[in-house]
Amino acid sequence: MKEANFNYNTINGLDKKTAERLQAEFEKHGCRNKTEFLVFLLRKALDDLDAERSITDPKSIENVMNVMKEIKEGLKKIEGSQAKKEIDDTAYRNLLIQAYWLIDLIVIQLDIDAKYVTDGNMDFLPSNIAKVQREAMSNYENSKCSG
């Protein structure tokens, strides 16, 4: 096959709609002349063809599919741990409710004045538990930054 020479080109046979689109884009683009504009369009078209090939290349598709599989497996693990956490949270919630009512019964039975507590003066974690919570949150924040 004879090698094509692209140093000089003539475009013939453009339909009216394509010619109008070229004119409109030329005016928007701000090129100094038609040649500069057509070179821009050719580069853009070639870049788009390269990008299209990289998307439709079987090797690229295989890589994308492998990444998608990894993501899907990761999501399954997250879903499983989320479901387990919800089950645990429900159990812990019920445990807290029952502990509260048992303590409330003890307070009533022993006629203890719990107004200080019920007025909200103890609505914070004990310092040792708050410390553990802060450390866990700090570790979580650090792992987000490094991962």
C-alpha atoms as a PDB file:
ATOM      1  CA  MET A   1       0.000   0.000   0.000  1.00  0.00           C
ATOM      2  CA  LYS A   2       1.324   3.420  -0.931  1.00  0.00           C
ATOM      3  CA  GLU A   3       2.258   5.665   2.014  1.00  0.00           C
ATOM      4  CA  ALA A   4      -0.081   8.644   2.317  1.00  0.00           C
ATOM      5  CA  ASN A   5       1.392  12.145   2.451  1.00  0.00           C
ATOM      6  CA  PHE A   6      -0.504  14.247   4.976  1.00  0.00           C
ATOM      7  CA  ASN A   7       1.533  17.436   4.574  1.00  0.00           C
ATOM      8  CA  TYR A   8      -0.964  18.945   2.145  1.00  0.00           C
ATOM      9  CA  ASN A   9      -4.682  18.114   2.227  1.00  0.00           C
ATOM     10  CA  THR A  10      -7.800  19.089   0.398  1.00  0.00           C
ATOM     11  CA  ILE A  11     -11.246  18.257   1.710  1.00  0.00           C
ATOM     12  CA  ASN A  12     -13.929  17.732  -0.903  1.00  0.00           C
ATOM     13  CA  GLY A  13     -17.509  16.630  -0.696  1.00  0.00           C
ATOM     14  CA  LEU A  14     -18.524  17.904   2.738  1.00  0.00           C
ATOM     15  CA  ASP A  15     -22.257  17.814   3.244  1.00  0.00           C
ATOM     16  CA  LYS A  16     -23.949  21.076   4.208  1.00  0.00           C
ATOM     17  CA  LYS A  17     -24.584  20.085   7.830  1.00  0.00           C
ATOM     18  CA  THR A  18     -20.931  19.074   8.411  1.00  0.00           C
ATOM     19  CA  ALA A  19     -19.726  22.311   6.785  1.00  0.00           C
ATOM     20  CA  GLU A  20     -22.047  24.326   9.065  1.00  0.00           C
ATOM     21  CA  ARG A  21     -20.807  22.434  12.144  1.00  0.00           C
ATOM     22  CA  LEU A  22     -17.197  23.070  11.130  1.00  0.00           C
ATOM     23  CA  GLN A  23     -17.891  26.780  10.685  1.00  0.00           C
ATOM     24  CA  ALA A  24     -19.649  27.032  14.059  1.00  0.00           C
ATOM     25  CA  GLU A  25     -16.832  25.185  15.880  1.00  0.00           C
ATOM     26  CA  PHE A  26     -14.185  27.234  14.064  1.00  0.00           C
ATOM     27  CA  GLU A  27     -15.806  30.442  15.317  1.00  0.00           C
ATOM     28  CA  LYS A  28     -16.028  29.097  18.890  1.00  0.00           C
ATOM     29  CA  HIS A  29     -12.488  27.756  18.983  1.00  0.00           C
ATOM     30  CA  GLY A  30     -10.649  30.945  18.068  1.00  0.00           C
ATOM     31  CA  CYS A  31      -8.017  29.456  15.772  1.00  0.00           C
ATOM     32  CA  ARG A  32      -6.072  31.862  13.547  1.00  0.00           C
ATOM     33  CA  ASN A  33      -6.903  29.965  10.370  1.00  0.00           C
ATOM     34  CA  LYS A  34      -8.616  26.895   8.957  1.00  0.00           C
ATOM     35  CA  THR A  35      -5.424  24.844   8.830  1.00  0.00           C
ATOM     36  CA  GLU A  36      -4.733  25.343  12.524  1.00  0.00           C
ATOM     37  CA  PHE A  37      -8.342  24.440  13.289  1.00  0.00           C
ATOM     38  CA  LEU A  38      -8.312  21.307  11.103  1.00  0.00           C
ATOM     39  CA  VAL A  39      -5.033  20.167  12.681  1.00  0.00           C
ATOM     40  CA  PHE A  40      -6.660  20.654  16.094  1.00  0.00           C
ATOM     41  CA  LEU A  41      -9.667  18.574  15.008  1.00  0.00           C
ATOM     42  CA  LEU A  42      -7.475  15.820  13.563  1.00  0.00           C
ATOM     43  CA  ARG A  43      -5.425  15.609  16.771  1.00  0.00           C
ATOM     44  CA  LYS A  44      -8.615  15.493  18.820  1.00  0.00           C
ATOM     45  CA  ALA A  45     -10.083  12.779  16.592  1.00  0.00           C
ATOM     46  CA  LEU A  46      -6.877  10.724  16.803  1.00  0.00           C
ATOM     47  CA  ASP A  47      -6.758  11.119  20.598  1.00  0.00           C
ATOM     48  CA  ASP A  48     -10.387   9.976  20.792  1.00  0.00           C
ATOM     49  CA  LEU A  49      -9.615   6.957  18.595  1.00  0.00           C
ATOM     50  CA  ASP A  50      -6.661   6.041  20.836  1.00  0.00           C
ATOM     51  CA  ALA A  51      -8.849   6.385  23.923  1.00  0.00           C
ATOM     52  CA  GLU A  52     -11.565   4.272  22.293  1.00  0.00           C
ATOM     53  CA  ARG A  53      -9.024   1.572  21.440  1.00  0.00           C
ATOM     54  CA  SER A  54      -7.741   1.522  25.007  1.00  0.00           C
ATOM     55  CA  ILE A  55     -11.299   0.983  26.223  1.00  0.00           C
ATOM     56  CA  THR A  56     -12.106  -1.745  23.701  1.00  0.00           C
ATOM     57  CA  ASP A  57      -8.714  -3.467  23.868  1.00  0.00           C
ATOM     58  CA  PRO A  58      -9.291  -6.986  25.265  1.00  0.00           C
ATOM     59  CA  LYS A  59      -6.363  -6.590  27.703  1.00  0.00           C
ATOM     60  CA  SER A  60      -7.814  -3.336  29.047  1.00  0.00           C
ATOM     61  CA  ILE A  61     -11.247  -4.896  29.377  1.00  0.00           C
ATOM     62  CA  GLU A  62      -9.715  -7.821  31.269  1.00  0.00           C
ATOM     63  CA  ASN A  63      -7.939  -5.412  33.637  1.00  0.00           C
ATOM     64  CA  VAL A  64     -11.149  -3.464  34.232  1.00  0.00           C
ATOM     65  CA  MET A  65     -13.050  -6.699  34.871  1.00  0.00           C
ATOM     66  CA  ASN A  66     -10.410  -7.825  37.396  1.00  0.00           C
ATOM     67  CA  VAL A  67     -10.626  -4.507  39.233  1.00  0.00           C
ATOM     68  CA  MET A  68     -14.428  -4.745  39.230  1.00  0.00           C
ATOM     69  CA  LYS A  69     -14.205  -8.281  40.675  1.00  0.00           C
ATOM     70  CA  GLU A  70     -11.922  -7.023  43.451  1.00  0.00           C
ATOM     71  CA  ILE A  71     -14.325  -4.175  44.202  1.00  0.00           C
ATOM     72  CA  LYS A  72     -17.269  -6.578  44.252  1.00  0.00           C
ATOM     73  CA  GLU A  73     -15.456  -8.922  46.667  1.00  0.00           C
ATOM     74  CA  GLY A  74     -14.533  -5.975  48.876  1.00  0.00           C
ATOM     75  CA  LEU A  75     -18.141  -4.791  48.906  1.00  0.00           C
ATOM     76  CA  LYS A  76     -19.332  -8.287  49.870  1.00  0.00           C
ATOM     77  CA  LYS A  77     -16.927  -8.276  52.824  1.00  0.00           C
ATOM     78  CA  ILE A  78     -18.098  -4.817  53.875  1.00  0.00           C
ATOM     79  CA  GLU A  79     -21.727  -5.879  53.518  1.00  0.00           C
ATOM     80  CA  GLY A  80     -21.096  -8.951  55.675  1.00  0.00           C
ATOM     81  CA  SER A  81     -19.310  -6.999  58.387  1.00  0.00           C
ATOM     82  CA  GLN A  82     -22.013  -4.297  58.263  1.00  0.00           C
ATOM     83  CA  ALA A  83     -24.733  -6.938  58.737  1.00  0.00           C
ATOM     84  CA  LYS A  84     -22.826  -8.481  61.660  1.00  0.00           C
ATOM     85  CA  LYS A  85     -22.338  -5.021  63.186  1.00  0.00           C
ATOM     86  CA  GLU A  86     -26.073  -4.324  62.940  1.00  0.00           C
ATOM     87  CA  ILE A  87     -26.862  -7.613  64.659  1.00  0.00           C
ATOM     88  CA  ASP A  88     -24.304  -6.847  67.385  1.00  0.00           C
ATOM     89  CA  ASP A  89     -25.603  -3.278  67.745  1.00  0.00           C
ATOM     90  CA  THR A  90     -29.152  -4.581  68.203  1.00  0.00           C
ATOM     91  CA  ALA A  91     -28.009  -6.997  70.894  1.00  0.00           C
ATOM     92  CA  TYR A  92     -25.974  -4.289  72.679  1.00  0.00           C
ATOM     93  CA  ARG A  93     -28.886  -1.847  72.434  1.00  0.00           C
ATOM     94  CA  ASN A  94     -31.224  -4.387  74.032  1.00  0.00           C
ATOM     95  CA  LEU A  95     -28.615  -5.116  76.705  1.00  0.00           C
ATOM     96  CA  LEU A  96     -28.333  -1.398  77.527  1.00  0.00           C
ATOM     97  CA  ILE A  97     -32.118  -1.009  77.692  1.00  0.00           C
ATOM     98  CA  GLN A  98     -32.446  -3.976  80.027  1.00  0.00           C
ATOM     99  CA  ALA A  99     -29.552  -2.768  82.205  1.00  0.00           C
ATOM    100  CA  TYR A 100     -31.163   0.666  82.406  1.00  0.00           C
ATOM    101  CA  TRP A 101     -34.497  -0.747  83.539  1.00  0.00           C
ATOM    102  CA  LEU A 102     -32.837  -3.036  86.084  1.00  0.00           C
ATOM    103  CA  ILE A 103     -30.900  -0.088  87.537  1.00  0.00           C
ATOM    104  CA  ASP A 104     -34.094   1.978  87.500  1.00  0.00           C
ATOM    105  CA  LEU A 105     -35.876  -0.766  89.475  1.00  0.00           C
ATOM    106  CA  ILE A 106     -32.989  -0.898  91.964  1.00  0.00           C
ATOM    107  CA  VAL A 107     -33.110   2.898  92.380  1.00  0.00           C
ATOM    108  CA  ILE A 108     -36.861   2.743  93.012  1.00  0.00           C
ATOM    109  CA  GLN A 109     -36.600  -0.257  95.390  1.00  0.00           C
ATOM    110  CA  LEU A 110     -33.806   1.341  97.432  1.00  0.00           C
ATOM    111  CA  ASP A 111     -35.421   4.797  97.265  1.00  0.00           C
ATOM    112  CA  ILE A 112     -32.229   6.381  95.910  1.00  0.00           C
ATOM    113  CA  ASP A 113     -32.368  10.019  94.769  1.00  0.00           C
ATOM    114  CA  ALA A 114     -31.255   9.824  91.118  1.00  0.00           C
ATOM    115  CA  LYS A 115     -32.264  13.391  90.201  1.00  0.00           C
ATOM    116  CA  TYR A 116     -28.619  14.429  89.634  1.00  0.00           C
ATOM    117  CA  VAL A 117     -28.293  11.722  86.991  1.00  0.00           C
ATOM    118  CA  THR A 118     -31.759  12.105  85.442  1.00  0.00           C
ATOM    119  CA  ASP A 119     -31.187  15.886  85.133  1.00  0.00           C
ATOM    120  CA  GLY A 120     -28.397  15.093  82.656  1.00  0.00           C
ATOM    121  CA  ASN A 121     -25.404  15.793  84.869  1.00  0.00           C
ATOM    122  CA  MET A 122     -23.830  12.451  83.969  1.00  0.00           C
ATOM    123  CA  ASP A 123     -24.472  12.464  80.206  1.00  0.00           C
ATOM    124  CA  PHE A 124     -20.874  11.757  79.242  1.00  0.00           C
ATOM    125  CA  LEU A 125     -18.631   8.735  79.063  1.00  0.00           C
ATOM    126  CA  PRO A 126     -16.420   7.896  82.018  1.00  0.00           C
ATOM    127  CA  SER A 127     -12.870   9.179  81.381  1.00  0.00           C
ATOM    128  CA  ASN A 128     -11.315   5.714  80.853  1.00  0.00           C
ATOM    129  CA  ILE A 129     -13.922   4.801  78.218  1.00  0.00           C
ATOM    130  CA  ALA A 130     -13.698   8.241  76.581  1.00  0.00           C
ATOM    131  CA  LYS A 131      -9.915   7.761  76.306  1.00  0.00           C
ATOM    132  CA  VAL A 132     -10.353   4.388  74.564  1.00  0.00           C
ATOM    133  CA  GLN A 133     -12.888   5.974  72.210  1.00  0.00           C
ATOM    134  CA  ARG A 134     -10.509   8.862  71.349  1.00  0.00           C
ATOM    135  CA  GLU A 135      -7.653   6.426  70.670  1.00  0.00           C
ATOM    136  CA  ALA A 136      -9.858   4.285  68.433  1.00  0.00           C
ATOM    137  CA  MET A 137     -11.030   7.373  66.518  1.00  0.00           C
ATOM    138  CA  SER A 138      -7.435   8.575  66.137  1.00  0.00           C
ATOM    139  CA  ASN A 139      -6.358   5.174  64.803  1.00  0.00           C
ATOM    140  CA  TYR A 140      -9.281   5.224  62.386  1.00  0.00           C
ATOM    141  CA  GLU A 141      -8.401   8.726  61.150  1.00  0.00           C
ATOM    142  CA  ASN A 142      -4.740   7.743  60.707  1.00  0.00           C
ATOM    143  CA  SER A 143      -5.681   4.619  58.762  1.00  0.00           C
ATOM    144  CA  LYS A 144      -7.873   6.712  56.409  1.00  0.00           C
ATOM    145  CA  CYS A 145      -4.939   9.027  55.649  1.00  0.00           C
ATOM    146  CA  SER A 146      -2.487   6.214  54.979  1.00  0.00           C
ATOM    147  CA  GLY A 147      -4.855   3.949  53.074  1.00  0.00           C
END
